[in-house]
Amino acid sequence: FNQRGDKHPNWKGGITGKNTLIRGTMEYKLWRTSVFYRDNFQCIWCGSKEQIQADHIKPFAMFPELRFAIDNGRTLCRKCHLITPTWGKSAGAN
């Protein structure tokens, strides 16, 4: 049977968040790539080139006006990203 949308037990009212949708846009992908280029494709904290991620210094959800500002981004490896105070937070999500 069909368990899509509001018929699925995990349905939460169509909240594929605006933030999730934005992260799939070309503008977001260009921001991410620009941050990586600027930081030489390596973690700015430990220098690793493994599992790099683009981190928003001021949180994506809380500062929508800074989402695509290159100077609000930094390249971190996953290990360093996990220890940032905002890792995994969704406070203020739109």
N, C-alpha and C. Protein backbone atom coordinates (compact mmCIF):
# COMPACT_ATOMS: atom_id res chain seq x y z
N PHE A 1 0.83 -1.19 0.00
CA PHE A 1 0.00 0.00 0.00
C PHE A 1 0.87 1.25 0.00
N ASN A 2 0.24 2.38 -0.25
CA ASN A 2 0.97 3.64 -0.43
C ASN A 2 1.16 4.36 0.90
N GLN A 3 2.42 4.51 1.32
CA GLN A 3 2.71 5.23 2.56
C GLN A 3 3.52 6.48 2.26
N ARG A 4 3.10 7.23 1.29
CA ARG A 4 3.81 8.46 0.95
C ARG A 4 3.11 9.65 1.56
N GLY A 5 3.89 10.71 1.73
CA GLY A 5 3.29 11.95 2.23
C GLY A 5 2.62 11.77 3.57
N ASP A 6 1.43 12.33 3.70
CA ASP A 6 0.74 12.31 4.99
C ASP A 6 0.26 10.93 5.41
N LYS A 7 0.40 9.94 4.56
CA LYS A 7 0.02 8.57 4.90
C LYS A 7 1.18 7.79 5.53
N HIS A 8 2.39 8.34 5.47
CA HIS A 8 3.56 7.66 6.05
C HIS A 8 3.60 7.94 7.56
N PRO A 9 3.96 6.93 8.37
CA PRO A 9 3.98 7.11 9.83
C PRO A 9 4.96 8.19 10.31
N ASN A 10 5.99 8.49 9.53
CA ASN A 10 6.95 9.52 9.95
C ASN A 10 6.62 10.91 9.42
N TRP A 11 5.47 11.07 8.78
CA TRP A 11 5.07 12.36 8.20
C TRP A 11 5.03 13.44 9.27
N LYS A 12 5.59 14.59 8.97
CA LYS A 12 5.62 15.70 9.92
C LYS A 12 5.04 16.97 9.31
N GLY A 13 4.10 16.81 8.42
CA GLY A 13 3.41 17.97 7.89
C GLY A 13 4.10 18.66 6.73
N GLY A 14 4.87 17.95 5.96
CA GLY A 14 5.52 18.54 4.79
C GLY A 14 6.60 19.53 5.15
N ILE A 15 7.48 19.14 6.05
CA ILE A 15 8.51 20.08 6.51
C ILE A 15 9.88 19.82 5.90
N THR A 16 9.90 19.23 4.65
CA THR A 16 11.21 19.15 4.04
C THR A 16 11.64 20.57 4.09
N GLY A 17 12.43 20.83 5.02
CA GLY A 17 12.72 22.19 5.34
C GLY A 17 13.22 23.03 4.19
N LYS A 18 12.89 24.27 4.32
CA LYS A 18 13.40 25.27 3.38
C LYS A 18 14.92 25.18 3.34
N ASN A 19 15.53 24.95 4.49
CA ASN A 19 16.98 24.86 4.56
C ASN A 19 17.51 23.69 3.73
N THR A 20 16.82 22.55 3.81
CA THR A 20 17.23 21.38 3.03
C THR A 20 17.12 21.66 1.54
N LEU A 21 16.04 22.30 1.16
CA LEU A 21 15.85 22.64 -0.25
C LEU A 21 16.94 23.59 -0.74
N ILE A 22 17.30 24.57 0.07
CA ILE A 22 18.33 25.55 -0.30
C ILE A 22 19.68 24.86 -0.48
N ARG A 23 19.98 23.89 0.38
CA ARG A 23 21.27 23.20 0.29
C ARG A 23 21.43 22.40 -1.01
N GLY A 24 20.35 22.19 -1.72
CA GLY A 24 20.42 21.49 -2.99
C GLY A 24 20.54 22.42 -4.20
N THR A 25 20.56 23.71 -3.98
CA THR A 25 20.59 24.66 -5.10
C THR A 25 22.01 24.84 -5.65
N MET A 26 22.07 25.32 -6.86
CA MET A 26 23.36 25.62 -7.48
C MET A 26 24.10 26.71 -6.70
N GLU A 27 23.37 27.69 -6.19
CA GLU A 27 23.99 28.78 -5.43
C GLU A 27 24.72 28.22 -4.21
N TYR A 28 24.09 27.26 -3.52
CA TYR A 28 24.72 26.66 -2.36
C TYR A 28 25.96 25.86 -2.76
N LYS A 29 25.83 25.11 -3.86
CA LYS A 29 26.97 24.30 -4.32
C LYS A 29 28.15 25.19 -4.72
N LEU A 30 27.86 26.33 -5.32
CA LEU A 30 28.93 27.27 -5.68
C LEU A 30 29.57 27.86 -4.44
N TRP A 31 28.76 28.18 -3.42
CA TRP A 31 29.30 28.70 -2.16
C TRP A 31 30.26 27.67 -1.56
N ARG A 32 29.82 26.44 -1.49
CA ARG A 32 30.62 25.37 -0.91
C ARG A 32 31.95 25.19 -1.65
N THR A 33 31.89 25.14 -2.97
CA THR A 33 33.10 24.99 -3.78
C THR A 33 34.03 26.17 -3.60
N SER A 34 33.48 27.37 -3.53
CA SER A 34 34.30 28.57 -3.33
C SER A 34 35.03 28.55 -2.00
N VAL A 35 34.34 28.08 -0.96
CA VAL A 35 34.97 27.96 0.36
C VAL A 35 36.13 26.95 0.29
N PHE A 36 35.90 25.81 -0.37
CA PHE A 36 36.95 24.81 -0.50
C PHE A 36 38.16 25.36 -1.25
N TYR A 37 37.93 26.05 -2.36
CA TYR A 37 39.03 26.63 -3.13
C TYR A 37 39.82 27.61 -2.28
N ARG A 38 39.10 28.51 -1.61
CA ARG A 38 39.77 29.51 -0.78
C ARG A 38 40.65 28.85 0.29
N ASP A 39 40.18 27.77 0.86
CA ASP A 39 40.89 27.10 1.95
C ASP A 39 41.80 25.98 1.45
N ASN A 40 42.02 25.94 0.15
CA ASN A 40 42.95 24.98 -0.44
C ASN A 40 42.54 23.52 -0.23
N PHE A 41 41.23 23.29 -0.17
CA PHE A 41 40.69 21.94 -0.02
C PHE A 41 41.29 21.20 1.17
N GLN A 42 41.48 21.93 2.28
CA GLN A 42 41.97 21.28 3.50
C GLN A 42 41.37 21.94 4.73
N CYS A 43 41.29 21.18 5.79
CA CYS A 43 40.74 21.66 7.05
C CYS A 43 41.59 22.82 7.56
N ILE A 44 40.93 23.92 7.89
CA ILE A 44 41.68 25.09 8.36
C ILE A 44 42.17 24.92 9.79
N TRP A 45 41.66 23.92 10.50
CA TRP A 45 42.10 23.69 11.87
C TRP A 45 43.24 22.69 11.97
N CYS A 46 43.13 21.57 11.28
CA CYS A 46 44.16 20.53 11.45
C CYS A 46 44.95 20.24 10.17
N GLY A 47 44.50 20.80 9.04
CA GLY A 47 45.22 20.62 7.79
C GLY A 47 44.86 19.37 7.01
N SER A 48 43.95 18.55 7.53
CA SER A 48 43.56 17.32 6.84
C SER A 48 42.87 17.63 5.52
N LYS A 49 43.07 16.74 4.56
CA LYS A 49 42.38 16.86 3.27
C LYS A 49 41.34 15.74 3.12
N GLU A 50 41.12 15.00 4.19
CA GLU A 50 40.17 13.88 4.19
C GLU A 50 38.82 14.33 4.72
N GLN A 51 37.76 13.87 4.08
CA GLN A 51 36.38 14.11 4.51
C GLN A 51 36.11 15.58 4.81
N ILE A 52 36.52 16.46 3.88
CA ILE A 52 36.30 17.89 4.13
C ILE A 52 34.84 18.27 3.96
N GLN A 53 34.44 19.26 4.75
CA GLN A 53 33.07 19.76 4.74
C GLN A 53 33.11 21.28 4.82
N ALA A 54 32.14 21.92 4.20
CA ALA A 54 32.03 23.37 4.30
C ALA A 54 31.13 23.68 5.50
N ASP A 55 31.65 24.46 6.43
CA ASP A 55 30.93 24.81 7.65
C ASP A 55 30.56 26.28 7.61
N HIS A 56 29.34 26.59 8.01
CA HIS A 56 28.95 27.99 8.19
C HIS A 56 29.41 28.43 9.57
N ILE A 57 30.15 29.50 9.64
CA ILE A 57 30.64 30.01 10.93
C ILE A 57 29.46 30.52 11.75
N LYS A 58 28.65 31.36 11.15
CA LYS A 58 27.38 31.76 11.77
C LYS A 58 26.34 30.84 11.15
N PRO A 59 25.56 30.14 11.98
CA PRO A 59 24.70 29.06 11.51
C PRO A 59 23.76 29.41 10.35
N PHE A 60 23.72 28.48 9.42
CA PHE A 60 22.90 28.56 8.21
C PHE A 60 21.45 28.93 8.54
N ALA A 61 20.86 28.25 9.50
CA ALA A 61 19.45 28.45 9.82
C ALA A 61 19.18 29.78 10.51
N MET A 62 20.12 30.25 11.29
CA MET A 62 19.90 31.46 12.09
C MET A 62 20.28 32.75 11.36
N PHE A 63 21.11 32.65 10.35
CA PHE A 63 21.58 33.83 9.62
C PHE A 63 21.36 33.66 8.13
N PRO A 64 20.10 33.68 7.69
CA PRO A 64 19.82 33.44 6.26
C PRO A 64 20.52 34.44 5.34
N GLU A 65 20.76 35.64 5.82
CA GLU A 65 21.41 36.65 4.99
C GLU A 65 22.89 36.33 4.74
N LEU A 66 23.46 35.41 5.52
CA LEU A 66 24.88 35.05 5.38
C LEU A 66 25.08 33.66 4.76
N ARG A 67 24.02 33.05 4.30
CA ARG A 67 24.12 31.68 3.78
C ARG A 67 25.11 31.52 2.65
N PHE A 68 25.20 32.52 1.80
CA PHE A 68 26.07 32.41 0.63
C PHE A 68 27.26 33.36 0.69
N ALA A 69 27.54 33.88 1.88
CA ALA A 69 28.70 34.76 2.07
C ALA A 69 29.93 33.88 2.25
N ILE A 70 30.87 34.00 1.35
CA ILE A 70 32.08 33.16 1.39
C ILE A 70 32.81 33.34 2.73
N ASP A 71 32.84 34.57 3.24
CA ASP A 71 33.56 34.80 4.49
C ASP A 71 32.82 34.25 5.72
N ASN A 72 31.62 33.71 5.53
CA ASN A 72 30.93 33.03 6.61
C ASN A 72 31.12 31.51 6.50
N GLY A 73 32.04 31.08 5.67
CA GLY A 73 32.30 29.66 5.51
C GLY A 73 33.73 29.32 5.83
N ARG A 74 33.94 28.07 6.19
CA ARG A 74 35.29 27.56 6.42
C ARG A 74 35.29 26.08 6.10
N THR A 75 36.45 25.60 5.69
CA THR A 75 36.59 24.18 5.38
C THR A 75 37.10 23.46 6.62
N LEU A 76 36.35 22.44 7.03
CA LEU A 76 36.74 21.61 8.17
C LEU A 76 36.65 20.15 7.75
N CYS A 77 37.52 19.33 8.32
CA CYS A 77 37.37 17.89 8.12
C CYS A 77 36.20 17.46 9.02
N ARG A 78 35.69 16.30 8.76
CA ARG A 78 34.54 15.84 9.54
C ARG A 78 34.85 15.81 11.04
N LYS A 79 36.03 15.33 11.41
CA LYS A 79 36.41 15.22 12.82
C LYS A 79 36.37 16.59 13.51
N CYS A 80 36.93 17.61 12.85
CA CYS A 80 36.91 18.96 13.42
C CYS A 80 35.51 19.57 13.39
N HIS A 81 34.77 19.29 12.32
CA HIS A 81 33.42 19.82 12.21
C HIS A 81 32.54 19.32 13.34
N LEU A 82 32.72 18.05 13.72
CA LEU A 82 31.91 17.46 14.78
C LEU A 82 32.10 18.15 16.13
N ILE A 83 33.22 18.82 16.34
CA ILE A 83 33.45 19.47 17.64
C ILE A 83 33.08 20.94 17.65
N THR A 84 32.52 21.46 16.55
CA THR A 84 32.07 22.85 16.56
C THR A 84 30.83 22.94 17.43
N PRO A 85 30.61 24.08 18.09
CA PRO A 85 29.46 24.20 18.99
C PRO A 85 28.11 24.12 18.28
N THR A 86 28.09 24.32 16.99
CA THR A 86 26.81 24.31 16.27
C THR A 86 26.58 23.04 15.47
N TRP A 87 27.45 22.04 15.55
CA TRP A 87 27.28 20.81 14.77
C TRP A 87 25.93 20.16 15.09
N GLY A 88 25.15 19.93 14.05
CA GLY A 88 23.90 19.21 14.21
C GLY A 88 22.76 20.00 14.83
N LYS A 89 22.96 21.25 15.10
CA LYS A 89 21.91 22.06 15.70
C LYS A 89 20.97 22.53 14.61
N SER A 90 19.71 22.66 14.95
CA SER A 90 18.74 23.21 14.00
C SER A 90 17.99 24.38 14.61
N ALA A 91 18.59 24.98 15.63
CA ALA A 91 17.95 26.13 16.29
C ALA A 91 17.67 27.22 15.27
N GLY A 92 16.47 27.71 15.30
CA GLY A 92 16.11 28.81 14.42
C GLY A 92 15.85 28.38 13.00
N ALA A 93 15.69 27.10 12.75
CA ALA A 93 15.47 26.64 11.38
C ALA A 93 14.21 27.25 10.80
N ASN A 94 14.32 27.64 9.54
CA ASN A 94 13.17 28.24 8.86
C ASN A 94 12.36 27.16 8.21
